[in-house]
Amino acid sequence: HALSMANTKSAAKRARVSQRRRDINKKRGTAYKQAEKKFKALVQEGKKDEAGKFLSEVQSKLDSAAKGSSIHRNKASRAKARLARLLK
């Protein structure tokens, strides 16, 4: 974590909170992106049955990212629709 150069107590707290939120958002973002990549790789390899089972996990990660405001809920919805379309 970066050393805060805040002038006031409240600014120091905001810096701490911002860092904490950034770490959480980064973790959620990484999780859904990795799941998306794995799903697309399964589809590309032709393992559609395996990908179908994994789809719910990807959707769950997208939903949790949207719930925590890491990404917008409409972006999550759009991503889920596009991934589901890949299975057809």
N, C-alpha and C. Protein backbone atom coordinates (compact mmCIF):
# COMPACT_ATOMS: atom_id res chain seq x y z
N HIS A 1 0.83 -1.19 0.00
CA HIS A 1 0.00 0.00 0.00
C HIS A 1 0.87 1.25 0.00
N ALA A 2 0.38 2.22 -0.73
CA ALA A 2 1.13 3.47 -0.85
C ALA A 2 1.05 4.27 0.45
N LEU A 3 2.13 4.98 0.73
CA LEU A 3 2.17 5.83 1.91
C LEU A 3 1.34 7.08 1.63
N SER A 4 0.43 7.40 2.54
CA SER A 4 -0.45 8.54 2.34
C SER A 4 0.25 9.84 2.72
N MET A 5 0.05 10.86 1.92
CA MET A 5 0.60 12.18 2.21
C MET A 5 -0.52 13.14 2.58
N ALA A 6 -1.52 12.62 3.28
CA ALA A 6 -2.70 13.42 3.62
C ALA A 6 -2.36 14.49 4.66
N ASN A 7 -3.06 15.61 4.55
CA ASN A 7 -2.86 16.72 5.48
C ASN A 7 -3.80 16.65 6.68
N THR A 8 -4.92 15.98 6.53
CA THR A 8 -5.89 15.91 7.63
C THR A 8 -6.23 14.47 7.94
N LYS A 9 -6.84 14.25 9.11
CA LYS A 9 -7.26 12.91 9.51
C LYS A 9 -8.25 12.32 8.52
N SER A 10 -9.21 13.17 8.12
CA SER A 10 -10.25 12.69 7.21
C SER A 10 -9.67 12.32 5.84
N ALA A 11 -8.69 13.08 5.39
CA ALA A 11 -8.05 12.78 4.11
C ALA A 11 -7.26 11.48 4.21
N ALA A 12 -6.64 11.26 5.35
CA ALA A 12 -5.88 10.01 5.57
C ALA A 12 -6.84 8.83 5.54
N LYS A 13 -8.00 9.00 6.17
CA LYS A 13 -8.99 7.92 6.19
C LYS A 13 -9.51 7.66 4.78
N ARG A 14 -9.77 8.72 4.02
CA ARG A 14 -10.25 8.56 2.64
C ARG A 14 -9.22 7.80 1.81
N ALA A 15 -7.94 8.09 2.06
CA ALA A 15 -6.87 7.41 1.33
C ALA A 15 -6.88 5.91 1.66
N ARG A 16 -7.07 5.60 2.94
CA ARG A 16 -7.13 4.19 3.35
C ARG A 16 -8.32 3.48 2.73
N VAL A 17 -9.47 4.13 2.81
CA VAL A 17 -10.70 3.54 2.27
C VAL A 17 -10.58 3.34 0.76
N SER A 18 -10.05 4.37 0.08
CA SER A 18 -9.88 4.29 -1.37
C SER A 18 -8.98 3.12 -1.75
N GLN A 19 -7.91 2.94 -1.00
CA GLN A 19 -6.98 1.84 -1.28
C GLN A 19 -7.67 0.49 -1.08
N ARG A 20 -8.44 0.39 0.00
CA ARG A 20 -9.16 -0.84 0.30
C ARG A 20 -10.17 -1.15 -0.81
N ARG A 21 -10.94 -0.14 -1.23
CA ARG A 21 -11.93 -0.32 -2.29
C ARG A 21 -11.24 -0.71 -3.60
N ARG A 22 -10.09 -0.08 -3.87
CA ARG A 22 -9.35 -0.37 -5.10
C ARG A 22 -8.92 -1.84 -5.12
N ASP A 23 -8.41 -2.32 -3.99
CA ASP A 23 -7.98 -3.72 -3.91
C ASP A 23 -9.15 -4.67 -4.14
N ILE A 24 -10.29 -4.36 -3.52
CA ILE A 24 -11.48 -5.21 -3.68
C ILE A 24 -11.96 -5.20 -5.13
N ASN A 25 -12.05 -4.00 -5.72
CA ASN A 25 -12.50 -3.89 -7.11
C ASN A 25 -11.56 -4.63 -8.06
N LYS A 26 -10.27 -4.51 -7.80
CA LYS A 26 -9.28 -5.17 -8.65
C LYS A 26 -9.44 -6.69 -8.57
N LYS A 27 -9.65 -7.19 -7.35
CA LYS A 27 -9.82 -8.64 -7.15
C LYS A 27 -11.06 -9.15 -7.89
N ARG A 28 -12.16 -8.41 -7.75
CA ARG A 28 -13.40 -8.82 -8.43
C ARG A 28 -13.25 -8.75 -9.93
N GLY A 29 -12.62 -7.69 -10.41
CA GLY A 29 -12.43 -7.51 -11.85
C GLY A 29 -11.58 -8.60 -12.44
N THR A 30 -10.50 -8.93 -11.75
CA THR A 30 -9.61 -10.00 -12.20
C THR A 30 -10.35 -11.33 -12.23
N ALA A 31 -11.16 -11.58 -11.21
CA ALA A 31 -11.89 -12.85 -11.11
C ALA A 31 -12.83 -13.06 -12.28
N TYR A 32 -13.63 -12.03 -12.61
CA TYR A 32 -14.59 -12.22 -13.71
C TYR A 32 -13.89 -12.27 -15.06
N LYS A 33 -12.80 -11.52 -15.22
CA LYS A 33 -12.08 -11.54 -16.49
C LYS A 33 -11.43 -12.90 -16.74
N GLN A 34 -10.84 -13.48 -15.69
CA GLN A 34 -10.21 -14.80 -15.83
C GLN A 34 -11.25 -15.86 -16.14
N ALA A 35 -12.41 -15.76 -15.46
CA ALA A 35 -13.48 -16.73 -15.70
C ALA A 35 -13.99 -16.61 -17.13
N GLU A 36 -14.11 -15.38 -17.61
CA GLU A 36 -14.56 -15.14 -18.99
C GLU A 36 -13.59 -15.76 -19.99
N LYS A 37 -12.29 -15.56 -19.75
CA LYS A 37 -11.27 -16.11 -20.65
C LYS A 37 -11.32 -17.64 -20.67
N LYS A 38 -11.49 -18.24 -19.48
CA LYS A 38 -11.54 -19.70 -19.39
C LYS A 38 -12.76 -20.22 -20.15
N PHE A 39 -13.90 -19.53 -19.98
CA PHE A 39 -15.14 -19.92 -20.67
C PHE A 39 -14.96 -19.86 -22.18
N LYS A 40 -14.39 -18.74 -22.66
CA LYS A 40 -14.18 -18.58 -24.11
C LYS A 40 -13.22 -19.64 -24.66
N ALA A 41 -12.22 -20.00 -23.85
CA ALA A 41 -11.27 -21.03 -24.27
C ALA A 41 -11.97 -22.38 -24.40
N LEU A 42 -12.87 -22.69 -23.45
CA LEU A 42 -13.62 -23.94 -23.52
C LEU A 42 -14.49 -23.99 -24.77
N VAL A 43 -15.15 -22.89 -25.07
CA VAL A 43 -16.00 -22.83 -26.27
C VAL A 43 -15.15 -22.99 -27.52
N GLN A 44 -13.99 -22.32 -27.54
CA GLN A 44 -13.09 -22.38 -28.69
C GLN A 44 -12.61 -23.81 -28.95
N GLU A 45 -12.36 -24.54 -27.85
CA GLU A 45 -11.89 -25.93 -27.96
C GLU A 45 -13.02 -26.89 -28.33
N GLY A 46 -14.24 -26.39 -28.35
CA GLY A 46 -15.38 -27.23 -28.70
C GLY A 46 -15.96 -28.00 -27.54
N LYS A 47 -15.54 -27.68 -26.32
CA LYS A 47 -16.05 -28.36 -25.12
C LYS A 47 -17.28 -27.61 -24.61
N LYS A 48 -18.34 -27.64 -25.41
CA LYS A 48 -19.53 -26.84 -25.09
C LYS A 48 -20.28 -27.34 -23.86
N ASP A 49 -20.26 -28.65 -23.62
CA ASP A 49 -20.94 -29.18 -22.43
C ASP A 49 -20.24 -28.70 -21.15
N GLU A 50 -18.91 -28.72 -21.18
CA GLU A 50 -18.12 -28.23 -20.04
C GLU A 50 -18.33 -26.73 -19.86
N ALA A 51 -18.34 -26.02 -20.99
CA ALA A 51 -18.55 -24.57 -20.96
C ALA A 51 -19.93 -24.23 -20.41
N GLY A 52 -20.92 -25.03 -20.75
CA GLY A 52 -22.28 -24.82 -20.26
C GLY A 52 -22.36 -24.91 -18.75
N LYS A 53 -21.62 -25.85 -18.18
CA LYS A 53 -21.59 -26.00 -16.72
C LYS A 53 -20.84 -24.84 -16.07
N PHE A 54 -19.83 -24.34 -16.77
CA PHE A 54 -18.99 -23.26 -16.23
C PHE A 54 -19.65 -21.89 -16.37
N LEU A 55 -20.64 -21.79 -17.28
CA LEU A 55 -21.31 -20.51 -17.54
C LEU A 55 -21.91 -19.91 -16.28
N SER A 56 -22.54 -20.74 -15.45
CA SER A 56 -23.18 -20.20 -14.24
C SER A 56 -22.14 -19.60 -13.30
N GLU A 57 -20.95 -20.18 -13.27
CA GLU A 57 -19.88 -19.65 -12.43
C GLU A 57 -19.41 -18.27 -12.93
N VAL A 58 -19.30 -18.16 -14.25
CA VAL A 58 -18.90 -16.88 -14.85
C VAL A 58 -19.96 -15.83 -14.56
N GLN A 59 -21.23 -16.21 -14.73
CA GLN A 59 -22.33 -15.27 -14.48
C GLN A 59 -22.34 -14.83 -13.03
N SER A 60 -22.03 -15.73 -12.13
CA SER A 60 -21.98 -15.42 -10.70
C SER A 60 -20.89 -14.38 -10.42
N LYS A 61 -19.73 -14.56 -11.03
CA LYS A 61 -18.62 -13.62 -10.84
C LYS A 61 -18.96 -12.24 -11.42
N LEU A 62 -19.64 -12.23 -12.56
CA LEU A 62 -20.06 -10.96 -13.15
C LEU A 62 -21.07 -10.26 -12.24
N ASP A 63 -22.01 -11.04 -11.69
CA ASP A 63 -23.02 -10.47 -10.79
C ASP A 63 -22.39 -9.89 -9.54
N SER A 64 -21.41 -10.59 -8.97
CA SER A 64 -20.78 -10.09 -7.75
C SER A 64 -19.96 -8.83 -8.04
N ALA A 65 -19.36 -8.75 -9.24
CA ALA A 65 -18.63 -7.54 -9.62
C ALA A 65 -19.60 -6.37 -9.78
N ALA A 66 -20.78 -6.64 -10.34
CA ALA A 66 -21.79 -5.59 -10.51
C ALA A 66 -22.39 -5.19 -9.18
N LYS A 67 -22.60 -6.16 -8.31
CA LYS A 67 -23.18 -5.87 -6.99
C LYS A 67 -22.27 -4.96 -6.19
N GLY A 68 -20.97 -5.19 -6.29
CA GLY A 68 -20.01 -4.38 -5.56
C GLY A 68 -19.60 -3.12 -6.29
N SER A 69 -20.28 -2.84 -7.40
CA SER A 69 -20.01 -1.64 -8.22
C SER A 69 -18.61 -1.63 -8.83
N SER A 70 -18.00 -2.80 -9.00
CA SER A 70 -16.73 -2.86 -9.71
C SER A 70 -16.98 -2.59 -11.19
N ILE A 71 -18.12 -3.11 -11.68
CA ILE A 71 -18.56 -2.82 -13.04
C ILE A 71 -20.03 -2.45 -12.97
N HIS A 72 -20.54 -1.82 -14.00
CA HIS A 72 -21.95 -1.42 -14.04
C HIS A 72 -22.82 -2.65 -14.27
N ARG A 73 -24.01 -2.64 -13.69
CA ARG A 73 -24.89 -3.81 -13.82
C ARG A 73 -25.26 -4.09 -15.28
N ASN A 74 -25.37 -3.03 -16.09
CA ASN A 74 -25.69 -3.24 -17.51
C ASN A 74 -24.53 -3.90 -18.25
N LYS A 75 -23.31 -3.59 -17.85
CA LYS A 75 -22.14 -4.22 -18.47
C LYS A 75 -22.14 -5.71 -18.14
N ALA A 76 -22.47 -6.03 -16.89
CA ALA A 76 -22.53 -7.43 -16.46
C ALA A 76 -23.59 -8.17 -17.26
N SER A 77 -24.75 -7.54 -17.39
CA SER A 77 -25.87 -8.15 -18.12
C SER A 77 -25.50 -8.39 -19.58
N ARG A 78 -24.86 -7.40 -20.19
CA ARG A 78 -24.45 -7.50 -21.59
C ARG A 78 -23.42 -8.62 -21.77
N ALA A 79 -22.48 -8.71 -20.84
CA ALA A 79 -21.44 -9.74 -20.92
C ALA A 79 -22.06 -11.13 -20.79
N LYS A 80 -23.02 -11.27 -19.86
CA LYS A 80 -23.68 -12.57 -19.67
C LYS A 80 -24.43 -12.99 -20.92
N ALA A 81 -25.10 -12.04 -21.55
CA ALA A 81 -25.86 -12.34 -22.77
C ALA A 81 -24.92 -12.77 -23.90
N ARG A 82 -23.80 -12.08 -24.02
CA ARG A 82 -22.85 -12.40 -25.09
C ARG A 82 -22.21 -13.76 -24.87
N LEU A 83 -21.91 -14.09 -23.61
CA LEU A 83 -21.32 -15.39 -23.31
C LEU A 83 -22.31 -16.52 -23.57
N ALA A 84 -23.57 -16.28 -23.20
CA ALA A 84 -24.61 -17.31 -23.41
C ALA A 84 -24.80 -17.55 -24.91
N ARG A 85 -24.68 -16.47 -25.69
CA ARG A 85 -24.84 -16.58 -27.14
C ARG A 85 -23.74 -17.43 -27.76
N LEU A 86 -22.57 -17.46 -27.14
CA LEU A 86 -21.45 -18.25 -27.66
C LEU A 86 -21.75 -19.76 -27.61
N LEU A 87 -22.61 -20.15 -26.69
CA LEU A 87 -22.92 -21.59 -26.55
C LEU A 87 -23.81 -22.12 -27.66
N LYS A 88 -24.53 -21.24 -28.33
CA LYS A 88 -25.47 -21.69 -29.36
C LYS A 88 -24.76 -22.12 -30.63
